[in-house]
């Protein structure tokens, strides 16, 4: 019997507890990374960058929510962490040159 919980697959067999623990650990790491990416994306001063970053983070996580392969999941988490660092660096650099506020933000 197979159960689906937030895109991760749990199998009923003798390794159920091990797989459940592993998948729960991956899920918690993925949720933490998701929150960090969204939080970092909200810190952009430019409206367009802020909205684009948050939209892309949501799209990527939705697209990959059904991945069950542990190796692929680890690759995606590593990719997300590298993107988090990239977003942080670019945001810090862009803060040196503050933009004018858009009409939407005034």
N, C-alpha and C. Protein backbone atom coordinates (compact mmCIF):
# COMPACT_ATOMS: atom_id res chain seq x y z
N UNK A 1 0.84 -1.17 0.00
CA UNK A 1 0.00 0.00 0.00
C UNK A 1 0.89 1.23 0.00
N UNK A 2 0.56 2.23 -0.79
CA UNK A 2 1.37 3.44 -0.90
C UNK A 2 0.57 4.64 -0.43
N UNK A 3 1.21 5.50 0.34
CA UNK A 3 0.58 6.73 0.81
C UNK A 3 1.36 7.91 0.25
N UNK A 4 0.68 8.99 -0.09
CA UNK A 4 1.34 10.21 -0.54
C UNK A 4 1.11 11.29 0.49
N UNK A 5 2.18 11.91 0.92
CA UNK A 5 2.09 12.99 1.90
C UNK A 5 3.01 14.11 1.44
N UNK A 6 2.45 15.19 0.97
CA UNK A 6 3.18 16.36 0.49
C UNK A 6 4.26 15.95 -0.53
N UNK A 7 3.88 15.11 -1.46
CA UNK A 7 4.77 14.78 -2.55
C UNK A 7 5.80 13.71 -2.26
N UNK A 8 5.87 13.19 -1.05
CA UNK A 8 6.83 12.15 -0.73
C UNK A 8 6.10 10.83 -0.55
N UNK A 9 6.71 9.78 -0.97
CA UNK A 9 6.06 8.49 -0.97
C UNK A 9 6.56 7.64 0.20
N UNK A 10 5.62 7.12 0.98
CA UNK A 10 5.95 6.23 2.08
C UNK A 10 5.46 4.83 1.73
N UNK A 11 6.33 3.86 1.84
CA UNK A 11 5.98 2.49 1.49
C UNK A 11 5.77 1.67 2.75
N UNK A 12 4.74 0.85 2.73
CA UNK A 12 4.47 -0.04 3.86
C UNK A 12 5.29 -1.31 3.68
N UNK A 13 6.34 -1.45 4.46
CA UNK A 13 7.15 -2.66 4.48
C UNK A 13 7.99 -2.67 5.76
N UNK A 14 8.96 -3.54 5.86
CA UNK A 14 9.76 -3.63 7.08
C UNK A 14 10.64 -2.40 7.30
N UNK A 15 10.92 -1.64 6.25
CA UNK A 15 11.75 -0.44 6.38
C UNK A 15 10.91 0.82 6.50
N UNK A 16 9.64 0.67 6.84
CA UNK A 16 8.72 1.80 6.88
C UNK A 16 9.23 2.90 7.81
N UNK A 17 9.67 2.54 9.01
CA UNK A 17 10.12 3.55 9.97
C UNK A 17 11.36 4.27 9.47
N UNK A 18 12.28 3.53 8.85
CA UNK A 18 13.50 4.14 8.33
C UNK A 18 13.16 5.10 7.20
N UNK A 19 12.31 4.66 6.28
CA UNK A 19 11.93 5.51 5.16
C UNK A 19 11.13 6.72 5.64
N UNK A 20 10.25 6.51 6.61
CA UNK A 20 9.46 7.60 7.15
C UNK A 20 10.37 8.63 7.80
N UNK A 21 11.35 8.17 8.58
CA UNK A 21 12.29 9.08 9.23
C UNK A 21 13.10 9.85 8.19
N UNK A 22 13.59 9.14 7.17
CA UNK A 22 14.38 9.77 6.11
C UNK A 22 13.54 10.80 5.37
N UNK A 23 12.32 10.43 4.99
CA UNK A 23 11.46 11.34 4.24
C UNK A 23 11.02 12.52 5.09
N UNK A 24 10.80 12.30 6.37
CA UNK A 24 10.43 13.40 7.26
C UNK A 24 11.59 14.37 7.40
N UNK A 25 12.80 13.85 7.47
CA UNK A 25 13.99 14.70 7.55
C UNK A 25 14.13 15.53 6.28
N UNK A 26 13.95 14.90 5.13
CA UNK A 26 14.05 15.61 3.86
C UNK A 26 12.96 16.67 3.76
N UNK A 27 11.74 16.31 4.17
CA UNK A 27 10.64 17.27 4.12
C UNK A 27 10.92 18.48 5.00
N UNK A 28 11.44 18.25 6.19
CA UNK A 28 11.71 19.38 7.09
C UNK A 28 12.82 20.25 6.52
N UNK A 29 13.84 19.64 5.92
CA UNK A 29 14.91 20.43 5.29
C UNK A 29 14.38 21.22 4.10
N UNK A 30 13.48 20.59 3.32
CA UNK A 30 12.91 21.27 2.15
C UNK A 30 12.03 22.45 2.59
N UNK A 31 11.24 22.25 3.63
CA UNK A 31 10.39 23.34 4.12
C UNK A 31 11.24 24.48 4.67
N UNK A 32 12.30 24.15 5.39
CA UNK A 32 13.20 25.17 5.92
C UNK A 32 13.84 25.96 4.78
N UNK A 33 14.31 25.26 3.76
CA UNK A 33 14.92 25.92 2.61
C UNK A 33 13.90 26.79 1.88
N UNK A 34 12.69 26.30 1.73
CA UNK A 34 11.61 27.06 1.09
C UNK A 34 11.37 28.37 1.83
N UNK A 35 11.26 28.29 3.13
CA UNK A 35 11.03 29.49 3.94
C UNK A 35 12.21 30.46 3.85
N UNK A 36 13.43 29.92 3.88
CA UNK A 36 14.61 30.79 3.78
C UNK A 36 14.65 31.50 2.44
N UNK A 37 14.34 30.78 1.36
CA UNK A 37 14.34 31.38 0.03
C UNK A 37 13.28 32.48 -0.08
N UNK A 38 12.09 32.22 0.42
CA UNK A 38 11.03 33.23 0.37
C UNK A 38 11.40 34.45 1.22
N UNK A 39 11.95 34.21 2.39
CA UNK A 39 12.33 35.31 3.27
C UNK A 39 13.41 36.17 2.62
N UNK A 40 14.39 35.51 2.03
CA UNK A 40 15.47 36.24 1.36
C UNK A 40 14.93 36.99 0.14
N UNK A 41 14.01 36.38 -0.57
CA UNK A 41 13.41 37.02 -1.73
C UNK A 41 12.61 38.26 -1.36
N UNK A 42 12.00 38.26 -0.18
CA UNK A 42 11.21 39.42 0.26
C UNK A 42 12.07 40.61 0.65
N UNK A 43 13.35 40.42 0.77
CA UNK A 43 14.25 41.50 1.20
C UNK A 43 14.73 42.38 0.05
N UNK A 44 14.41 42.01 -1.20
CA UNK A 44 14.81 42.85 -2.33
C UNK A 44 14.17 44.22 -2.20
N UNK A 45 14.89 45.26 -2.57
CA UNK A 45 14.31 46.60 -2.58
C UNK A 45 13.46 46.81 -3.83
N UNK A 46 13.88 46.22 -4.95
CA UNK A 46 13.15 46.39 -6.20
C UNK A 46 11.93 45.48 -6.23
N UNK A 47 10.79 46.07 -6.52
CA UNK A 47 9.52 45.34 -6.56
C UNK A 47 9.58 44.16 -7.54
N UNK A 48 10.07 44.42 -8.75
CA UNK A 48 10.08 43.37 -9.78
C UNK A 48 10.97 42.20 -9.39
N UNK A 49 12.14 42.46 -8.84
CA UNK A 49 13.03 41.38 -8.39
C UNK A 49 12.39 40.59 -7.25
N UNK A 50 11.77 41.33 -6.33
CA UNK A 50 11.13 40.69 -5.18
C UNK A 50 10.02 39.74 -5.63
N UNK A 51 9.16 40.21 -6.50
CA UNK A 51 8.05 39.38 -6.98
C UNK A 51 8.55 38.22 -7.83
N UNK A 52 9.51 38.46 -8.69
CA UNK A 52 10.05 37.41 -9.55
C UNK A 52 10.69 36.30 -8.72
N UNK A 53 11.51 36.69 -7.75
CA UNK A 53 12.19 35.70 -6.91
C UNK A 53 11.20 34.81 -6.18
N UNK A 54 10.22 35.42 -5.54
CA UNK A 54 9.24 34.63 -4.77
C UNK A 54 8.40 33.75 -5.70
N UNK A 55 8.02 34.28 -6.86
CA UNK A 55 7.24 33.48 -7.81
C UNK A 55 8.03 32.27 -8.30
N UNK A 56 9.31 32.46 -8.62
CA UNK A 56 10.14 31.35 -9.12
C UNK A 56 10.37 30.30 -8.04
N UNK A 57 10.56 30.73 -6.80
CA UNK A 57 10.74 29.78 -5.70
C UNK A 57 9.49 28.91 -5.57
N UNK A 58 8.32 29.55 -5.55
CA UNK A 58 7.07 28.78 -5.44
C UNK A 58 6.89 27.83 -6.61
N UNK A 59 7.17 28.30 -7.82
CA UNK A 59 7.02 27.45 -9.01
C UNK A 59 7.93 26.24 -8.96
N UNK A 60 9.19 26.43 -8.59
CA UNK A 60 10.14 25.32 -8.55
C UNK A 60 9.76 24.29 -7.49
N UNK A 61 9.34 24.76 -6.33
CA UNK A 61 8.95 23.81 -5.29
C UNK A 61 7.69 23.05 -5.67
N UNK A 62 6.75 23.72 -6.31
CA UNK A 62 5.54 23.02 -6.76
C UNK A 62 5.87 22.00 -7.85
N UNK A 63 6.77 22.39 -8.75
CA UNK A 63 7.14 21.50 -9.85
C UNK A 63 7.81 20.23 -9.33
N UNK A 64 8.59 20.34 -8.28
CA UNK A 64 9.37 19.20 -7.78
C UNK A 64 8.78 18.56 -6.53
N UNK A 65 7.55 18.85 -6.20
CA UNK A 65 6.98 18.31 -4.97
C UNK A 65 6.75 16.81 -5.03
N UNK A 66 6.68 16.22 -6.21
CA UNK A 66 6.39 14.78 -6.31
C UNK A 66 7.66 13.93 -6.43
N UNK A 67 8.83 14.52 -6.32
CA UNK A 67 10.09 13.78 -6.41
C UNK A 67 10.23 12.90 -5.16
N UNK A 68 10.46 11.61 -5.38
CA UNK A 68 10.61 10.68 -4.26
C UNK A 68 12.01 10.07 -4.18
N UNK A 69 12.79 10.21 -5.23
CA UNK A 69 14.14 9.64 -5.26
C UNK A 69 15.05 10.44 -4.31
N UNK A 70 15.64 9.78 -3.31
CA UNK A 70 16.48 10.50 -2.33
C UNK A 70 17.67 11.21 -2.97
N UNK A 71 18.29 10.59 -3.96
CA UNK A 71 19.46 11.21 -4.60
C UNK A 71 19.04 12.48 -5.36
N UNK A 72 17.95 12.41 -6.10
CA UNK A 72 17.45 13.57 -6.83
C UNK A 72 17.03 14.67 -5.86
N UNK A 73 16.41 14.27 -4.75
CA UNK A 73 15.99 15.24 -3.74
C UNK A 73 17.19 15.96 -3.16
N UNK A 74 18.26 15.23 -2.87
CA UNK A 74 19.48 15.86 -2.34
C UNK A 74 20.06 16.84 -3.36
N UNK A 75 20.06 16.46 -4.63
CA UNK A 75 20.57 17.36 -5.68
C UNK A 75 19.74 18.64 -5.72
N UNK A 76 18.42 18.51 -5.63
CA UNK A 76 17.55 19.68 -5.67
C UNK A 76 17.75 20.56 -4.44
N UNK A 77 17.94 19.94 -3.27
CA UNK A 77 18.19 20.72 -2.06
C UNK A 77 19.52 21.47 -2.17
N UNK A 78 20.53 20.83 -2.71
CA UNK A 78 21.83 21.48 -2.91
C UNK A 78 21.69 22.65 -3.90
N UNK A 79 20.91 22.44 -4.96
CA UNK A 79 20.66 23.49 -5.94
C UNK A 79 19.94 24.67 -5.27
N UNK A 80 18.99 24.37 -4.41
CA UNK A 80 18.28 25.42 -3.68
C UNK A 80 19.18 26.20 -2.75
N UNK A 81 20.07 25.50 -2.06
CA UNK A 81 21.01 26.18 -1.17
C UNK A 81 21.96 27.10 -1.94
N UNK A 82 22.41 26.64 -3.10
CA UNK A 82 23.29 27.50 -3.91
C UNK A 82 22.53 28.72 -4.42
N UNK A 83 21.24 28.54 -4.76
CA UNK A 83 20.43 29.67 -5.19
C UNK A 83 20.17 30.64 -4.03
N UNK A 84 20.04 30.12 -2.83
CA UNK A 84 19.86 30.98 -1.66
C UNK A 84 21.08 31.88 -1.48
N UNK A 85 22.26 31.30 -1.61
CA UNK A 85 23.49 32.09 -1.51
C UNK A 85 23.56 33.13 -2.63
N UNK A 86 23.17 32.74 -3.84
CA UNK A 86 23.18 33.65 -4.98
C UNK A 86 22.22 34.82 -4.76
N UNK A 87 21.02 34.52 -4.29
CA UNK A 87 20.03 35.57 -4.03
C UNK A 87 20.56 36.53 -2.97
N UNK A 88 21.15 35.98 -1.93
CA UNK A 88 21.69 36.83 -0.86
C UNK A 88 22.79 37.75 -1.39
N UNK A 89 23.72 37.20 -2.16
CA UNK A 89 24.82 38.02 -2.71
C UNK A 89 24.28 39.13 -3.60
N UNK A 90 23.37 38.78 -4.51
CA UNK A 90 22.84 39.77 -5.45
C UNK A 90 22.04 40.84 -4.72
N UNK A 91 21.32 40.44 -3.69
CA UNK A 91 20.54 41.41 -2.93
C UNK A 91 21.44 42.40 -2.21
N UNK A 92 22.53 41.90 -1.62
CA UNK A 92 23.48 42.78 -0.92
C UNK A 92 24.11 43.75 -1.92
N UNK A 93 24.50 43.25 -3.07
CA UNK A 93 25.11 44.12 -4.09
C UNK A 93 24.11 45.18 -4.55
N UNK A 94 22.86 44.77 -4.76
CA UNK A 94 21.87 45.73 -5.25
C UNK A 94 21.55 46.79 -4.21
N UNK A 95 21.77 46.49 -2.94
CA UNK A 95 21.51 47.49 -1.89
C UNK A 95 22.51 48.65 -1.94
N UNK A 96 23.64 48.46 -2.59
CA UNK A 96 24.60 49.55 -2.74
C UNK A 96 24.10 50.61 -3.71
N UNK A 97 23.16 50.22 -4.58
CA UNK A 97 22.62 51.13 -5.59
C UNK A 97 21.09 51.13 -5.48
N UNK A 98 20.56 51.83 -4.49
CA UNK A 98 19.11 51.78 -4.27
C UNK A 98 18.34 52.37 -5.45
N UNK A 99 17.29 51.68 -5.86
CA UNK A 99 16.49 52.15 -7.01
C UNK A 99 15.45 53.17 -6.57
N UNK A 100 14.86 53.81 -7.55
CA UNK A 100 13.73 54.70 -7.26
C UNK A 100 12.51 53.81 -7.03
N UNK A 101 11.61 54.28 -6.20
CA UNK A 101 10.37 53.54 -5.93
C UNK A 101 9.48 53.59 -7.17
N UNK A 102 8.83 52.47 -7.46
CA UNK A 102 7.88 52.41 -8.54
C UNK A 102 6.55 53.03 -8.10
N UNK A 103 5.72 53.35 -9.05
CA UNK A 103 4.41 53.92 -8.74
C UNK A 103 3.60 52.97 -7.86
N UNK A 104 3.74 51.69 -8.10
CA UNK A 104 3.03 50.67 -7.33
C UNK A 104 3.40 50.71 -5.85
N UNK A 105 4.66 51.05 -5.56
CA UNK A 105 5.15 51.02 -4.19
C UNK A 105 4.94 52.33 -3.43
N UNK A 106 4.63 53.42 -4.13
CA UNK A 106 4.49 54.72 -3.46
C UNK A 106 3.18 54.84 -2.74
